[in-house]
Amino acid sequence: IVLMALILKLFYRSFDRQTDILNQIRYLAMANSGILELEDDD
């Protein structure tokens, strides 16, 4: 969990000025979770 937090911090710092990329990553993550949920229900 700590490693994940550190990695996320590094990524956030790297893309601090590129919120568009962060938004895209968030959207993809949400889409993936949604797809996984749909597949799980199926």
N, C-alpha and C. Protein backbone atom coordinates (compact mmCIF):
# COMPACT_ATOMS: atom_id res chain seq x y z
N ILE A 1 0.86 -1.20 0.00
CA ILE A 1 0.00 0.00 0.00
C ILE A 1 0.89 1.24 0.00
N VAL A 2 1.92 1.24 0.83
CA VAL A 2 2.82 2.40 0.88
C VAL A 2 3.49 2.59 -0.47
N LEU A 3 3.94 1.48 -1.07
CA LEU A 3 4.58 1.57 -2.38
C LEU A 3 3.63 2.20 -3.39
N MET A 4 2.39 1.74 -3.39
CA MET A 4 1.40 2.29 -4.32
C MET A 4 1.24 3.79 -4.10
N ALA A 5 1.18 4.21 -2.84
CA ALA A 5 1.03 5.63 -2.53
C ALA A 5 2.22 6.41 -3.08
N LEU A 6 3.43 5.89 -2.85
CA LEU A 6 4.63 6.59 -3.33
C LEU A 6 4.61 6.68 -4.85
N ILE A 7 4.26 5.58 -5.51
CA ILE A 7 4.20 5.59 -6.98
C ILE A 7 3.17 6.60 -7.46
N LEU A 8 2.01 6.60 -6.81
CA LEU A 8 0.97 7.55 -7.20
C LEU A 8 1.47 8.98 -7.00
N LYS A 9 2.19 9.21 -5.91
CA LYS A 9 2.74 10.55 -5.66
C LYS A 9 3.70 10.94 -6.77
N LEU A 10 4.58 10.01 -7.15
CA LEU A 10 5.55 10.30 -8.21
C LEU A 10 4.81 10.61 -9.51
N PHE A 11 3.81 9.79 -9.85
CA PHE A 11 3.06 10.02 -11.08
C PHE A 11 2.36 11.37 -11.01
N TYR A 12 1.75 11.68 -9.85
CA TYR A 12 1.04 12.95 -9.71
C TYR A 12 2.00 14.12 -9.89
N ARG A 13 3.20 14.00 -9.32
CA ARG A 13 4.19 15.06 -9.48
C ARG A 13 4.59 15.20 -10.93
N SER A 14 4.80 14.06 -11.60
CA SER A 14 5.24 14.08 -12.99
C SER A 14 4.19 14.75 -13.88
N PHE A 15 2.92 14.45 -13.62
CA PHE A 15 1.85 15.00 -14.46
C PHE A 15 1.12 16.14 -13.76
N ASP A 16 1.82 16.80 -12.83
CA ASP A 16 1.18 17.88 -12.07
C ASP A 16 0.67 18.96 -13.01
N ARG A 17 1.42 19.24 -14.08
CA ARG A 17 1.02 20.31 -15.01
C ARG A 17 0.20 19.76 -16.16
N GLN A 18 -0.08 18.47 -16.15
CA GLN A 18 -0.83 17.88 -17.26
C GLN A 18 -2.08 17.20 -16.70
N THR A 19 -3.01 18.00 -16.21
CA THR A 19 -4.22 17.43 -15.60
C THR A 19 -5.01 16.65 -16.63
N ASP A 20 -4.88 17.01 -17.91
CA ASP A 20 -5.62 16.28 -18.94
C ASP A 20 -5.25 14.81 -18.91
N ILE A 21 -3.95 14.51 -18.82
CA ILE A 21 -3.50 13.12 -18.79
C ILE A 21 -4.04 12.44 -17.53
N LEU A 22 -3.99 13.16 -16.41
CA LEU A 22 -4.50 12.59 -15.16
C LEU A 22 -5.98 12.26 -15.31
N ASN A 23 -6.72 13.18 -15.91
CA ASN A 23 -8.15 12.94 -16.10
C ASN A 23 -8.37 11.73 -16.99
N GLN A 24 -7.55 11.59 -18.04
CA GLN A 24 -7.69 10.44 -18.93
C GLN A 24 -7.40 9.15 -18.17
N ILE A 25 -6.33 9.17 -17.34
CA ILE A 25 -5.99 7.97 -16.56
C ILE A 25 -7.14 7.63 -15.61
N ARG A 26 -7.68 8.66 -14.96
CA ARG A 26 -8.81 8.42 -14.04
C ARG A 26 -9.98 7.82 -14.79
N TYR A 27 -10.28 8.40 -15.98
CA TYR A 27 -11.40 7.91 -16.77
C TYR A 27 -11.19 6.45 -17.15
N LEU A 28 -9.95 6.12 -17.59
CA LEU A 28 -9.65 4.74 -17.97
C LEU A 28 -9.80 3.82 -16.76
N ALA A 29 -9.31 4.27 -15.61
CA ALA A 29 -9.41 3.44 -14.41
C ALA A 29 -10.88 3.21 -14.06
N MET A 30 -11.68 4.27 -14.11
CA MET A 30 -13.10 4.14 -13.80
C MET A 30 -13.77 3.22 -14.81
N ALA A 31 -13.41 3.37 -16.09
CA ALA A 31 -13.99 2.53 -17.14
C ALA A 31 -13.62 1.07 -16.89
N ASN A 32 -12.35 0.84 -16.54
CA ASN A 32 -11.90 -0.53 -16.26
C ASN A 32 -12.69 -1.12 -15.10
N SER A 33 -12.83 -0.37 -14.02
CA SER A 33 -13.56 -0.88 -12.85
C SER A 33 -15.01 -1.16 -13.24
N GLY A 34 -15.59 -0.27 -14.05
CA GLY A 34 -16.97 -0.47 -14.49
C GLY A 34 -17.08 -1.73 -15.33
N ILE A 35 -16.12 -1.91 -16.25
CA ILE A 35 -16.14 -3.11 -17.11
C ILE A 35 -15.99 -4.35 -16.25
N LEU A 36 -15.06 -4.29 -15.28
CA LEU A 36 -14.86 -5.45 -14.41
C LEU A 36 -16.14 -5.76 -13.66
N GLU A 37 -16.81 -4.72 -13.17
CA GLU A 37 -18.05 -4.95 -12.43
C GLU A 37 -19.10 -5.59 -13.34
N LEU A 38 -19.20 -5.08 -14.58
CA LEU A 38 -20.17 -5.65 -15.51
C LEU A 38 -19.85 -7.11 -15.78
N GLU A 39 -18.58 -7.40 -16.02
CA GLU A 39 -18.18 -8.79 -16.29
C GLU A 39 -18.46 -9.66 -15.06
N ASP A 40 -18.21 -9.09 -13.87
CA ASP A 40 -18.45 -9.86 -12.65
C ASP A 40 -19.94 -10.19 -12.53
N ASP A 41 -20.80 -9.21 -12.82
CA ASP A 41 -22.24 -9.44 -12.75
C ASP A 41 -22.65 -10.49 -13.77
N ASP A 42 -22.04 -10.44 -14.93
CA ASP A 42 -22.37 -11.38 -15.99
C ASP A 42 -21.94 -12.78 -15.57
